[in-house]
Amino acid sequence: MQINIRPGTADDLPAIHNLVLELAEYEKAAHEFTASLEDYRRDFREGVFEVLVAEQGQTIVGMALYYMTYSTWKGKMLYLEDFVVQGAHRRRGIGDALFDAFLETARAKGCRLVKWQVLDWNEPAIRFYRKKAATIEQEWWNGKIFL
């Protein structure tokens, strides 16, 4: 099985959008997924986010969507908004390769930190991140306001 990890393009956005829908369904929150494919196209064109894709042959089977942000304590930081490998393609090393490529991208951009969220009930994801020597914080609470 040959997997290619590469920067995503505008042509990849329909597959990326579908992967995010698959993730929302896995998290039992598909009803909260309201960003349209047109939103993705506009925001990608405007440089709001970047994405790495994992493809097998001509099929995108995973992605890591991220954007630059800033830590006032550490400096430049990449925020991993969503990271997903299709269910049928998990446990084959694709997630490892994709996450490692994300980390390498952060290093190449001069970042000192990467951050993301993981749901407290998602034990497979927590185990994956801990295997990568990640710190899983439990003392910080998320705040948000929908506009």
N, C-alpha and C. Protein backbone atom coordinates (compact mmCIF):
# COMPACT_ATOMS: atom_id res chain seq x y z
N MET A 1 0.84 -1.18 0.00
CA MET A 1 0.00 0.00 0.00
C MET A 1 0.89 1.25 0.00
N GLN A 2 0.81 2.01 -1.05
CA GLN A 2 1.58 3.24 -1.19
C GLN A 2 0.72 4.42 -0.78
N ILE A 3 1.17 5.17 0.20
CA ILE A 3 0.48 6.37 0.67
C ILE A 3 1.33 7.58 0.34
N ASN A 4 0.70 8.58 -0.21
CA ASN A 4 1.37 9.82 -0.53
C ASN A 4 0.79 10.92 0.36
N ILE A 5 1.65 11.62 1.09
CA ILE A 5 1.24 12.76 1.91
C ILE A 5 1.71 14.01 1.16
N ARG A 6 0.77 14.93 0.93
CA ARG A 6 1.10 16.14 0.18
C ARG A 6 0.21 17.29 0.64
N PRO A 7 0.62 18.53 0.31
CA PRO A 7 -0.27 19.67 0.61
C PRO A 7 -1.56 19.55 -0.20
N GLY A 8 -2.66 19.86 0.44
CA GLY A 8 -3.94 19.83 -0.24
C GLY A 8 -4.09 21.01 -1.19
N THR A 9 -4.92 20.83 -2.21
CA THR A 9 -5.21 21.87 -3.19
C THR A 9 -6.71 22.15 -3.18
N ALA A 10 -7.09 23.17 -3.91
CA ALA A 10 -8.52 23.50 -4.03
C ALA A 10 -9.31 22.33 -4.60
N ASP A 11 -8.70 21.56 -5.49
CA ASP A 11 -9.39 20.41 -6.08
C ASP A 11 -9.69 19.32 -5.05
N ASP A 12 -8.95 19.32 -3.94
CA ASP A 12 -9.14 18.31 -2.90
C ASP A 12 -10.25 18.66 -1.92
N LEU A 13 -10.77 19.87 -1.98
CA LEU A 13 -11.71 20.33 -0.96
C LEU A 13 -12.98 19.49 -0.85
N PRO A 14 -13.58 18.99 -1.94
CA PRO A 14 -14.75 18.13 -1.75
C PRO A 14 -14.43 16.88 -0.90
N ALA A 15 -13.30 16.25 -1.14
CA ALA A 15 -12.91 15.07 -0.36
C ALA A 15 -12.63 15.45 1.09
N ILE A 16 -12.01 16.60 1.30
CA ILE A 16 -11.71 17.08 2.65
C ILE A 16 -13.02 17.36 3.40
N HIS A 17 -13.94 18.01 2.73
CA HIS A 17 -15.25 18.30 3.32
C HIS A 17 -15.95 17.00 3.73
N ASN A 18 -15.88 16.00 2.89
CA ASN A 18 -16.48 14.70 3.20
C ASN A 18 -15.80 14.03 4.39
N LEU A 19 -14.49 14.16 4.50
CA LEU A 19 -13.78 13.60 5.65
C LEU A 19 -14.21 14.28 6.95
N VAL A 20 -14.42 15.58 6.90
CA VAL A 20 -14.86 16.29 8.10
C VAL A 20 -16.27 15.84 8.47
N LEU A 21 -17.11 15.61 7.47
CA LEU A 21 -18.45 15.08 7.76
C LEU A 21 -18.34 13.70 8.41
N GLU A 22 -17.44 12.85 7.92
CA GLU A 22 -17.25 11.53 8.53
C GLU A 22 -16.81 11.68 9.99
N LEU A 23 -15.92 12.63 10.25
CA LEU A 23 -15.48 12.88 11.62
C LEU A 23 -16.65 13.37 12.49
N ALA A 24 -17.45 14.29 11.96
CA ALA A 24 -18.60 14.80 12.71
C ALA A 24 -19.58 13.67 13.03
N GLU A 25 -19.77 12.76 12.10
CA GLU A 25 -20.65 11.62 12.35
C GLU A 25 -20.06 10.71 13.42
N TYR A 26 -18.75 10.47 13.37
CA TYR A 26 -18.07 9.65 14.38
C TYR A 26 -18.24 10.27 15.76
N GLU A 27 -18.19 11.60 15.82
CA GLU A 27 -18.32 12.30 17.09
C GLU A 27 -19.79 12.53 17.48
N LYS A 28 -20.69 11.94 16.71
CA LYS A 28 -22.14 12.06 16.95
C LYS A 28 -22.58 13.52 16.98
N ALA A 29 -22.02 14.31 16.07
CA ALA A 29 -22.32 15.75 16.03
C ALA A 29 -22.52 16.24 14.59
N ALA A 30 -22.98 15.38 13.71
CA ALA A 30 -23.15 15.77 12.31
C ALA A 30 -24.09 16.97 12.18
N HIS A 31 -25.06 17.08 13.07
CA HIS A 31 -26.00 18.20 13.04
C HIS A 31 -25.32 19.54 13.31
N GLU A 32 -24.12 19.51 13.88
CA GLU A 32 -23.37 20.74 14.16
C GLU A 32 -22.45 21.14 13.01
N PHE A 33 -22.28 20.28 12.04
CA PHE A 33 -21.39 20.54 10.91
C PHE A 33 -22.15 21.37 9.88
N THR A 34 -21.93 22.69 9.90
CA THR A 34 -22.69 23.59 9.04
C THR A 34 -21.84 24.29 7.99
N ALA A 35 -20.52 24.17 8.05
CA ALA A 35 -19.65 24.81 7.05
C ALA A 35 -19.86 24.12 5.70
N SER A 36 -20.17 24.91 4.69
CA SER A 36 -20.44 24.36 3.37
C SER A 36 -19.15 24.19 2.58
N LEU A 37 -19.25 23.45 1.50
CA LEU A 37 -18.11 23.31 0.60
C LEU A 37 -17.71 24.67 0.05
N GLU A 38 -18.67 25.53 -0.21
CA GLU A 38 -18.36 26.89 -0.68
C GLU A 38 -17.61 27.68 0.39
N ASP A 39 -17.96 27.50 1.67
CA ASP A 39 -17.19 28.12 2.75
C ASP A 39 -15.74 27.65 2.70
N TYR A 40 -15.56 26.34 2.53
CA TYR A 40 -14.21 25.79 2.45
C TYR A 40 -13.45 26.40 1.28
N ARG A 41 -14.09 26.48 0.13
CA ARG A 41 -13.41 27.02 -1.06
C ARG A 41 -13.00 28.47 -0.85
N ARG A 42 -13.90 29.28 -0.34
CA ARG A 42 -13.59 30.69 -0.10
C ARG A 42 -12.46 30.83 0.92
N ASP A 43 -12.57 30.13 2.04
CA ASP A 43 -11.59 30.28 3.11
C ASP A 43 -10.23 29.72 2.73
N PHE A 44 -10.21 28.65 1.94
CA PHE A 44 -8.94 28.11 1.46
C PHE A 44 -8.28 29.12 0.51
N ARG A 45 -9.08 29.68 -0.39
CA ARG A 45 -8.57 30.66 -1.35
C ARG A 45 -8.01 31.88 -0.62
N GLU A 46 -8.64 32.27 0.49
CA GLU A 46 -8.19 33.43 1.27
C GLU A 46 -7.05 33.10 2.22
N GLY A 47 -6.61 31.84 2.26
CA GLY A 47 -5.48 31.46 3.11
C GLY A 47 -5.83 31.31 4.58
N VAL A 48 -7.11 31.12 4.89
CA VAL A 48 -7.54 30.97 6.28
C VAL A 48 -6.98 29.68 6.88
N PHE A 49 -6.89 28.63 6.07
CA PHE A 49 -6.36 27.36 6.55
C PHE A 49 -5.53 26.69 5.45
N GLU A 50 -4.73 25.74 5.89
CA GLU A 50 -3.97 24.87 5.00
C GLU A 50 -4.34 23.44 5.35
N VAL A 51 -3.98 22.52 4.49
CA VAL A 51 -4.34 21.13 4.74
C VAL A 51 -3.30 20.21 4.10
N LEU A 52 -3.01 19.13 4.78
CA LEU A 52 -2.23 18.03 4.22
C LEU A 52 -3.20 16.90 3.94
N VAL A 53 -3.00 16.20 2.83
CA VAL A 53 -3.85 15.07 2.52
C VAL A 53 -2.99 13.81 2.40
N ALA A 54 -3.61 12.70 2.75
CA ALA A 54 -3.01 11.38 2.56
C ALA A 54 -3.82 10.72 1.45
N GLU A 55 -3.13 10.31 0.41
CA GLU A 55 -3.86 9.67 -0.68
C GLU A 55 -3.26 8.30 -0.98
N GLN A 56 -4.17 7.41 -1.30
CA GLN A 56 -3.80 6.07 -1.74
C GLN A 56 -4.28 5.98 -3.18
N GLY A 57 -3.34 5.85 -4.10
CA GLY A 57 -3.70 5.95 -5.50
C GLY A 57 -4.21 7.35 -5.77
N GLN A 58 -5.40 7.45 -6.31
CA GLN A 58 -6.01 8.76 -6.58
C GLN A 58 -7.07 9.13 -5.53
N THR A 59 -7.15 8.37 -4.45
CA THR A 59 -8.20 8.58 -3.45
C THR A 59 -7.63 9.19 -2.18
N ILE A 60 -8.22 10.28 -1.74
CA ILE A 60 -7.82 10.90 -0.48
C ILE A 60 -8.47 10.11 0.66
N VAL A 61 -7.64 9.60 1.55
CA VAL A 61 -8.12 8.75 2.65
C VAL A 61 -7.90 9.38 4.02
N GLY A 62 -7.25 10.54 4.05
CA GLY A 62 -7.01 11.21 5.32
C GLY A 62 -6.59 12.65 5.09
N MET A 63 -6.70 13.43 6.16
CA MET A 63 -6.28 14.82 6.06
C MET A 63 -5.99 15.40 7.43
N ALA A 64 -5.17 16.45 7.43
CA ALA A 64 -4.86 17.24 8.61
C ALA A 64 -5.05 18.70 8.22
N LEU A 65 -6.06 19.35 8.77
CA LEU A 65 -6.37 20.74 8.45
C LEU A 65 -5.90 21.61 9.61
N TYR A 66 -5.13 22.66 9.29
CA TYR A 66 -4.49 23.46 10.32
C TYR A 66 -4.37 24.91 9.89
N TYR A 67 -4.02 25.77 10.85
CA TYR A 67 -3.79 27.18 10.55
C TYR A 67 -2.79 27.74 11.56
N MET A 68 -2.16 28.84 11.16
CA MET A 68 -1.19 29.51 12.02
C MET A 68 -1.93 30.32 13.07
N THR A 69 -1.42 30.26 14.28
CA THR A 69 -1.92 31.09 15.36
C THR A 69 -0.72 31.50 16.21
N TYR A 70 -0.96 32.06 17.35
CA TYR A 70 0.15 32.60 18.14
C TYR A 70 -0.05 32.32 19.61
N SER A 71 0.99 31.85 20.25
CA SER A 71 1.00 31.67 21.69
C SER A 71 1.79 32.83 22.29
N THR A 72 1.16 33.60 23.15
CA THR A 72 1.88 34.72 23.77
C THR A 72 3.00 34.24 24.68
N TRP A 73 2.95 32.99 25.08
CA TRP A 73 4.00 32.44 25.93
C TRP A 73 5.11 31.77 25.14
N LYS A 74 4.79 31.21 23.96
CA LYS A 74 5.77 30.42 23.22
C LYS A 74 6.13 30.99 21.85
N GLY A 75 5.23 31.72 21.22
CA GLY A 75 5.48 32.26 19.88
C GLY A 75 4.61 31.56 18.85
N LYS A 76 5.13 31.43 17.63
CA LYS A 76 4.35 30.87 16.53
C LYS A 76 3.89 29.46 16.83
N MET A 77 2.63 29.19 16.44
CA MET A 77 2.02 27.90 16.75
C MET A 77 1.11 27.51 15.59
N LEU A 78 1.10 26.23 15.25
CA LEU A 78 0.10 25.70 14.33
C LEU A 78 -0.99 25.04 15.15
N TYR A 79 -2.23 25.33 14.77
CA TYR A 79 -3.37 24.72 15.43
C TYR A 79 -3.96 23.68 14.48
N LEU A 80 -4.02 22.46 14.93
CA LEU A 80 -4.58 21.36 14.17
C LEU A 80 -6.08 21.33 14.42
N GLU A 81 -6.85 21.82 13.47
CA GLU A 81 -8.29 21.92 13.65
C GLU A 81 -8.96 20.56 13.51
N ASP A 82 -8.59 19.83 12.48
CA ASP A 82 -9.15 18.48 12.29
C ASP A 82 -8.11 17.56 11.68
N PHE A 83 -8.13 16.34 12.14
CA PHE A 83 -7.20 15.30 11.72
C PHE A 83 -8.01 14.01 11.64
N VAL A 84 -8.13 13.45 10.44
CA VAL A 84 -8.98 12.27 10.28
C VAL A 84 -8.44 11.36 9.18
N VAL A 85 -8.55 10.09 9.44
CA VAL A 85 -8.30 9.05 8.44
C VAL A 85 -9.60 8.27 8.31
N GLN A 86 -10.01 8.00 7.08
CA GLN A 86 -11.24 7.24 6.87
C GLN A 86 -11.20 5.95 7.68
N GLY A 87 -12.35 5.61 8.24
CA GLY A 87 -12.43 4.43 9.09
C GLY A 87 -11.88 3.17 8.44
N ALA A 88 -12.16 2.96 7.18
CA ALA A 88 -11.70 1.76 6.48
C ALA A 88 -10.19 1.72 6.27
N HIS A 89 -9.51 2.85 6.50
CA HIS A 89 -8.07 2.92 6.24
C HIS A 89 -7.25 3.11 7.52
N ARG A 90 -7.90 3.01 8.66
CA ARG A 90 -7.18 3.20 9.93
C ARG A 90 -6.36 1.96 10.27
N ARG A 91 -5.40 2.17 11.16
CA ARG A 91 -4.53 1.10 11.67
C ARG A 91 -3.60 0.55 10.60
N ARG A 92 -3.23 1.42 9.66
CA ARG A 92 -2.29 1.04 8.59
C ARG A 92 -1.09 1.97 8.54
N GLY A 93 -0.95 2.84 9.54
CA GLY A 93 0.19 3.77 9.58
C GLY A 93 -0.06 5.09 8.88
N ILE A 94 -1.24 5.27 8.31
CA ILE A 94 -1.54 6.51 7.59
C ILE A 94 -1.60 7.68 8.56
N GLY A 95 -2.26 7.49 9.69
CA GLY A 95 -2.34 8.56 10.69
C GLY A 95 -0.96 8.96 11.19
N ASP A 96 -0.09 7.98 11.44
CA ASP A 96 1.28 8.29 11.86
C ASP A 96 1.99 9.16 10.83
N ALA A 97 1.92 8.75 9.57
CA ALA A 97 2.61 9.49 8.51
C ALA A 97 2.03 10.90 8.36
N LEU A 98 0.73 11.01 8.43
CA LEU A 98 0.06 12.30 8.28
C LEU A 98 0.38 13.23 9.45
N PHE A 99 0.32 12.70 10.66
CA PHE A 99 0.62 13.52 11.84
C PHE A 99 2.09 13.94 11.84
N ASP A 100 2.99 13.03 11.49
CA ASP A 100 4.41 13.37 11.41
C ASP A 100 4.65 14.45 10.37
N ALA A 101 3.95 14.40 9.24
CA ALA A 101 4.08 15.43 8.21
C ALA A 101 3.57 16.78 8.74
N PHE A 102 2.49 16.75 9.52
CA PHE A 102 1.99 17.98 10.15
C PHE A 102 3.06 18.56 11.08
N LEU A 103 3.68 17.73 11.91
CA LEU A 103 4.73 18.21 12.81
C LEU A 103 5.90 18.78 12.03
N GLU A 104 6.27 18.13 10.96
CA GLU A 104 7.37 18.63 10.13
C GLU A 104 7.01 19.97 9.49
N THR A 105 5.77 20.12 9.08
CA THR A 105 5.30 21.40 8.53
C THR A 105 5.44 22.50 9.58
N ALA A 106 5.04 22.20 10.82
CA ALA A 106 5.16 23.18 11.90
C ALA A 106 6.62 23.57 12.12
N ARG A 107 7.50 22.60 12.12
CA ARG A 107 8.94 22.89 12.28
C ARG A 107 9.45 23.77 11.14
N ALA A 108 9.06 23.43 9.91
CA ALA A 108 9.50 24.19 8.74
C ALA A 108 9.00 25.63 8.78
N LYS A 109 7.87 25.87 9.41
CA LYS A 109 7.32 27.22 9.52
C LYS A 109 7.88 27.96 10.74
N GLY A 110 8.78 27.33 11.47
CA GLY A 110 9.39 27.97 12.63
C GLY A 110 8.50 28.01 13.86
N CYS A 111 7.56 27.10 13.94
CA CYS A 111 6.66 27.07 15.10
C CYS A 111 7.36 26.42 16.29
N ARG A 112 6.97 26.85 17.46
CA ARG A 112 7.50 26.29 18.69
C ARG A 112 6.52 25.36 19.38
N LEU A 113 5.29 25.30 18.84
CA LEU A 113 4.23 24.58 19.51
C LEU A 113 3.17 24.20 18.48
N VAL A 114 2.56 23.04 18.68
CA VAL A 114 1.35 22.68 17.95
C VAL A 114 0.29 22.35 19.01
N LYS A 115 -0.95 22.62 18.68
CA LYS A 115 -2.04 22.36 19.62
C LYS A 115 -3.23 21.81 18.85
N TRP A 116 -4.08 21.09 19.58
CA TRP A 116 -5.32 20.56 19.04
C TRP A 116 -6.20 20.18 20.21
N GLN A 117 -7.41 19.73 19.91
CA GLN A 117 -8.32 19.22 20.93
C GLN A 117 -8.62 17.76 20.64
N VAL A 118 -8.93 17.03 21.69
CA VAL A 118 -9.39 15.65 21.55
C VAL A 118 -10.50 15.45 22.58
N LEU A 119 -11.55 14.79 22.15
CA LEU A 119 -12.67 14.54 23.06
C LEU A 119 -12.26 13.57 24.15
N ASP A 120 -12.75 13.80 25.35
CA ASP A 120 -12.33 12.97 26.49
C ASP A 120 -12.74 11.51 26.37
N TRP A 121 -13.74 11.21 25.56
CA TRP A 121 -14.19 9.82 25.40
C TRP A 121 -13.50 9.10 24.24
N ASN A 122 -12.69 9.83 23.46
CA ASN A 122 -12.07 9.24 22.27
C ASN A 122 -10.74 8.57 22.64
N GLU A 123 -10.85 7.44 23.32
CA GLU A 123 -9.66 6.73 23.80
C GLU A 123 -8.68 6.34 22.69
N PRO A 124 -9.13 5.89 21.52
CA PRO A 124 -8.14 5.57 20.47
C PRO A 124 -7.30 6.79 20.09
N ALA A 125 -7.93 7.95 19.98
CA ALA A 125 -7.19 9.17 19.63
C ALA A 125 -6.25 9.57 20.76
N ILE A 126 -6.71 9.48 21.99
CA ILE A 126 -5.85 9.84 23.12
C ILE A 126 -4.63 8.93 23.17
N ARG A 127 -4.84 7.63 22.97
CA ARG A 127 -3.70 6.70 22.93
C ARG A 127 -2.74 7.06 21.80
N PHE A 128 -3.28 7.40 20.63
CA PHE A 128 -2.45 7.79 19.48
C PHE A 128 -1.57 8.99 19.84
N TYR A 129 -2.18 10.04 20.40
CA TYR A 129 -1.43 11.25 20.73
C TYR A 129 -0.40 11.00 21.82
N ARG A 130 -0.76 10.19 22.80
CA ARG A 130 0.21 9.88 23.86
C ARG A 130 1.39 9.10 23.31
N LYS A 131 1.13 8.24 22.34
CA LYS A 131 2.22 7.50 21.68
C LYS A 131 3.18 8.47 20.99
N LYS A 132 2.66 9.61 20.59
CA LYS A 132 3.48 10.65 19.95
C LYS A 132 4.13 11.56 20.98
N ALA A 133 4.03 11.22 22.26
CA ALA A 133 4.61 11.99 23.38
C ALA A 133 3.91 13.32 23.58
N ALA A 134 2.62 13.39 23.26
CA ALA A 134 1.84 14.61 23.44
C ALA A 134 1.44 14.77 24.90
N THR A 135 1.32 16.00 25.31
CA THR A 135 0.73 16.34 26.60
C THR A 135 -0.76 16.52 26.37
N ILE A 136 -1.56 15.78 27.08
CA ILE A 136 -3.01 15.91 26.99
C ILE A 136 -3.46 16.67 28.23
N GLU A 137 -3.78 17.95 28.03
CA GLU A 137 -4.16 18.81 29.15
C GLU A 137 -5.58 18.49 29.59
N GLN A 138 -5.79 18.50 30.89
CA GLN A 138 -7.14 18.28 31.41
C GLN A 138 -7.58 19.40 32.34
N GLU A 139 -6.70 20.37 32.54
CA GLU A 139 -7.05 21.43 33.48
C GLU A 139 -7.64 22.67 32.80
N TRP A 140 -7.47 22.80 31.47
CA TRP A 140 -7.99 23.96 30.76
C TRP A 140 -9.38 23.65 30.22
N TRP A 141 -10.29 24.59 30.37
CA TRP A 141 -11.64 24.44 29.84
C TRP A 141 -11.76 25.29 28.59
N ASN A 142 -12.50 24.80 27.61
CA ASN A 142 -12.72 25.53 26.38
C ASN A 142 -13.80 26.59 26.57
N GLY A 143 -13.62 27.71 25.95
CA GLY A 143 -14.64 28.75 25.92
C GLY A 143 -14.96 29.07 24.47
N LYS A 144 -16.21 29.38 24.17
CA LYS A 144 -16.58 29.76 22.82
C LYS A 144 -17.89 30.50 22.82
N ILE A 145 -18.07 31.31 21.79
CA ILE A 145 -19.31 32.03 21.55
C ILE A 145 -19.62 31.88 20.06
N PHE A 146 -20.80 31.38 19.74
CA PHE A 146 -21.19 31.28 18.34
C PHE A 146 -21.75 32.61 17.89
N LEU A 147 -21.28 33.09 16.75
CA LEU A 147 -21.72 34.37 16.21
C LEU A 147 -22.66 34.18 15.04
